[in-house]
């Protein structure tokens, strides 16, 4: 599963999701994912800043698993 598939699943769950690459940031944090609302809860926000898209995806999947959620179910 890739980041776009996870973002599609999140949108189906009522979440807002942003996946961003920012070349103006330092190399260690050029990629960012922010997810809010939906199944995470009305006032819940998850954000991770990482050096790669894969690291962002892994952080997001870990967060979802800790919350008892999975796009693989």
N, C-alpha and C. Protein backbone atom coordinates (compact mmCIF):
# COMPACT_ATOMS: atom_id res chain seq x y z
N UNK A 1 0.86 -1.18 0.00
CA UNK A 1 0.00 0.00 0.00
C UNK A 1 0.90 1.23 0.00
N UNK A 2 0.55 2.21 -0.83
CA UNK A 2 1.35 3.43 -0.88
C UNK A 2 0.59 4.59 -0.23
N UNK A 3 1.24 5.71 -0.15
CA UNK A 3 0.68 6.88 0.55
C UNK A 3 -0.64 7.32 -0.09
N UNK A 4 -0.77 7.26 -1.40
CA UNK A 4 -2.01 7.68 -2.05
C UNK A 4 -3.17 6.76 -1.70
N UNK A 5 -2.90 5.48 -1.61
CA UNK A 5 -3.95 4.54 -1.21
C UNK A 5 -4.40 4.79 0.23
N UNK A 6 -3.44 5.08 1.11
CA UNK A 6 -3.77 5.38 2.51
C UNK A 6 -4.56 6.68 2.59
N UNK A 7 -4.16 7.69 1.82
CA UNK A 7 -4.88 8.96 1.84
C UNK A 7 -6.30 8.77 1.30
N UNK A 8 -6.48 7.94 0.30
CA UNK A 8 -7.81 7.65 -0.22
C UNK A 8 -8.65 6.97 0.87
N UNK A 9 -8.06 6.01 1.56
CA UNK A 9 -8.77 5.33 2.65
C UNK A 9 -9.14 6.33 3.74
N UNK A 10 -8.20 7.22 4.09
CA UNK A 10 -8.48 8.23 5.11
C UNK A 10 -9.65 9.12 4.70
N UNK A 11 -9.69 9.52 3.44
CA UNK A 11 -10.79 10.37 2.99
C UNK A 11 -12.12 9.63 3.07
N UNK A 12 -12.11 8.34 2.80
CA UNK A 12 -13.32 7.52 2.93
C UNK A 12 -13.77 7.43 4.39
N UNK A 13 -12.83 7.63 5.32
CA UNK A 13 -13.12 7.58 6.75
C UNK A 13 -13.47 8.96 7.30
N UNK A 14 -13.60 9.95 6.41
CA UNK A 14 -13.99 11.29 6.82
C UNK A 14 -12.86 12.19 7.26
N UNK A 15 -11.62 11.76 7.05
CA UNK A 15 -10.45 12.55 7.46
C UNK A 15 -10.03 13.53 6.37
N UNK A 16 -9.37 14.59 6.79
CA UNK A 16 -8.67 15.48 5.87
C UNK A 16 -7.20 15.07 5.93
N UNK A 17 -6.55 14.95 4.77
CA UNK A 17 -5.16 14.51 4.74
C UNK A 17 -4.37 15.37 3.75
N UNK A 18 -3.15 15.72 4.17
CA UNK A 18 -2.24 16.49 3.33
C UNK A 18 -0.90 15.77 3.30
N UNK A 19 -0.36 15.57 2.11
CA UNK A 19 0.96 14.99 1.92
C UNK A 19 1.76 16.02 1.15
N UNK A 20 2.86 16.49 1.72
CA UNK A 20 3.56 17.63 1.13
C UNK A 20 5.06 17.39 1.04
N UNK A 21 5.64 17.81 -0.08
CA UNK A 21 7.08 17.85 -0.25
C UNK A 21 7.47 19.31 -0.34
N UNK A 22 8.44 19.72 0.47
CA UNK A 22 8.82 21.13 0.54
C UNK A 22 10.33 21.28 0.39
N UNK A 23 10.77 21.65 -0.79
CA UNK A 23 12.18 21.80 -1.08
C UNK A 23 12.86 22.94 -0.34
N UNK A 24 12.09 23.83 0.26
CA UNK A 24 12.68 24.94 1.00
C UNK A 24 13.03 24.57 2.43
N UNK A 25 12.58 23.41 2.89
CA UNK A 25 12.87 22.96 4.25
C UNK A 25 14.20 22.24 4.29
N UNK A 26 14.70 22.00 5.48
CA UNK A 26 15.96 21.28 5.64
C UNK A 26 15.81 19.84 5.15
N UNK A 27 16.89 19.23 4.68
CA UNK A 27 16.81 17.89 4.11
C UNK A 27 16.19 16.83 5.04
N UNK A 28 16.33 16.96 6.35
CA UNK A 28 15.80 15.97 7.27
C UNK A 28 14.30 16.03 7.47
N UNK A 29 13.65 17.08 6.96
CA UNK A 29 12.21 17.23 7.18
C UNK A 29 11.48 17.74 5.94
N UNK A 30 11.91 17.33 4.79
CA UNK A 30 11.30 17.84 3.54
C UNK A 30 9.92 17.27 3.25
N UNK A 31 9.55 16.18 3.87
CA UNK A 31 8.26 15.55 3.62
C UNK A 31 7.39 15.66 4.85
N UNK A 32 6.08 15.87 4.64
CA UNK A 32 5.17 16.06 5.76
C UNK A 32 3.82 15.42 5.44
N UNK A 33 3.21 14.83 6.46
CA UNK A 33 1.85 14.33 6.38
C UNK A 33 1.09 14.91 7.56
N UNK A 34 -0.11 15.44 7.28
CA UNK A 34 -1.02 15.91 8.32
C UNK A 34 -2.37 15.25 8.07
N UNK A 35 -2.95 14.67 9.12
CA UNK A 35 -4.27 14.05 9.04
C UNK A 35 -5.09 14.54 10.21
N UNK A 36 -6.34 14.90 9.93
CA UNK A 36 -7.21 15.37 11.01
C UNK A 36 -8.64 14.90 10.80
N UNK A 37 -9.39 14.90 11.90
CA UNK A 37 -10.82 14.62 11.86
C UNK A 37 -11.17 13.19 11.54
N UNK A 38 -12.40 13.03 11.10
CA UNK A 38 -12.92 11.72 10.72
C UNK A 38 -12.78 10.71 11.84
N UNK A 39 -12.30 9.52 11.49
CA UNK A 39 -12.17 8.44 12.48
C UNK A 39 -11.14 8.75 13.56
N UNK A 40 -10.29 9.74 13.34
CA UNK A 40 -9.32 10.11 14.36
C UNK A 40 -9.96 10.92 15.48
N UNK A 41 -11.12 11.48 15.22
CA UNK A 41 -11.81 12.31 16.20
C UNK A 41 -11.85 13.75 15.73
N UNK A 42 -12.90 14.43 16.10
CA UNK A 42 -13.15 15.79 15.62
C UNK A 42 -11.98 16.74 15.86
N UNK A 43 -11.38 16.68 17.04
CA UNK A 43 -10.31 17.61 17.40
C UNK A 43 -8.92 16.98 17.33
N UNK A 44 -8.81 15.83 16.71
CA UNK A 44 -7.53 15.12 16.64
C UNK A 44 -6.76 15.51 15.38
N UNK A 45 -5.45 15.71 15.57
CA UNK A 45 -4.57 16.03 14.44
C UNK A 45 -3.30 15.19 14.58
N UNK A 46 -2.90 14.55 13.49
CA UNK A 46 -1.63 13.83 13.43
C UNK A 46 -0.75 14.53 12.41
N UNK A 47 0.52 14.74 12.78
CA UNK A 47 1.47 15.35 11.86
C UNK A 47 2.82 14.68 12.05
N UNK A 48 3.48 14.44 10.93
CA UNK A 48 4.85 13.95 10.98
C UNK A 48 5.67 14.64 9.89
N UNK A 49 6.90 14.96 10.21
CA UNK A 49 7.86 15.57 9.28
C UNK A 49 9.04 14.61 9.19
N UNK A 50 9.35 14.16 7.98
CA UNK A 50 10.37 13.14 7.80
C UNK A 50 11.22 13.41 6.57
N UNK A 51 12.36 12.70 6.46
CA UNK A 51 13.23 12.91 5.30
C UNK A 51 12.77 12.21 4.03
N UNK A 52 11.78 11.30 4.14
CA UNK A 52 11.35 10.57 2.95
C UNK A 52 9.85 10.28 3.00
N UNK A 53 9.24 10.05 1.82
CA UNK A 53 7.83 9.68 1.79
C UNK A 53 7.57 8.37 2.53
N UNK A 54 8.49 7.41 2.40
CA UNK A 54 8.31 6.12 3.07
C UNK A 54 8.31 6.28 4.58
N UNK A 55 9.15 7.15 5.11
CA UNK A 55 9.18 7.39 6.56
C UNK A 55 7.88 8.04 7.03
N UNK A 56 7.34 8.95 6.24
CA UNK A 56 6.04 9.56 6.57
C UNK A 56 4.95 8.50 6.60
N UNK A 57 4.93 7.64 5.60
CA UNK A 57 3.92 6.59 5.52
C UNK A 57 4.02 5.67 6.73
N UNK A 58 5.24 5.28 7.09
CA UNK A 58 5.41 4.38 8.23
C UNK A 58 4.94 5.02 9.52
N UNK A 59 5.28 6.29 9.74
CA UNK A 59 4.79 7.00 10.93
C UNK A 59 3.27 7.04 10.96
N UNK A 60 2.66 7.31 9.82
CA UNK A 60 1.20 7.38 9.74
C UNK A 60 0.58 6.02 10.04
N UNK A 61 1.11 4.97 9.44
CA UNK A 61 0.58 3.62 9.69
C UNK A 61 0.74 3.23 11.15
N UNK A 62 1.88 3.58 11.75
CA UNK A 62 2.10 3.30 13.18
C UNK A 62 1.08 4.04 14.04
N UNK A 63 0.80 5.29 13.69
CA UNK A 63 -0.18 6.08 14.44
C UNK A 63 -1.57 5.47 14.31
N UNK A 64 -1.94 5.09 13.11
CA UNK A 64 -3.25 4.48 12.91
C UNK A 64 -3.37 3.18 13.70
N UNK A 65 -2.33 2.37 13.67
CA UNK A 65 -2.35 1.11 14.41
C UNK A 65 -2.50 1.35 15.91
N UNK A 66 -1.78 2.35 16.43
CA UNK A 66 -1.88 2.68 17.86
C UNK A 66 -3.29 3.14 18.23
N UNK A 67 -4.01 3.73 17.26
CA UNK A 67 -5.37 4.20 17.48
C UNK A 67 -6.40 3.09 17.21
N UNK A 68 -5.92 1.89 16.87
CA UNK A 68 -6.82 0.78 16.59
C UNK A 68 -7.46 0.84 15.21
N UNK A 69 -6.81 1.55 14.30
CA UNK A 69 -7.32 1.71 12.93
C UNK A 69 -6.36 1.10 11.93
N UNK A 70 -6.89 0.62 10.81
CA UNK A 70 -6.01 0.07 9.79
C UNK A 70 -6.67 0.14 8.42
N UNK A 71 -5.94 0.64 7.42
CA UNK A 71 -6.47 0.62 6.06
C UNK A 71 -6.41 -0.78 5.45
N UNK A 72 -5.83 -1.73 6.16
CA UNK A 72 -5.68 -3.09 5.64
C UNK A 72 -6.82 -4.02 6.05
N UNK A 73 -7.72 -3.53 6.90
CA UNK A 73 -8.81 -4.38 7.41
C UNK A 73 -9.87 -4.64 6.35
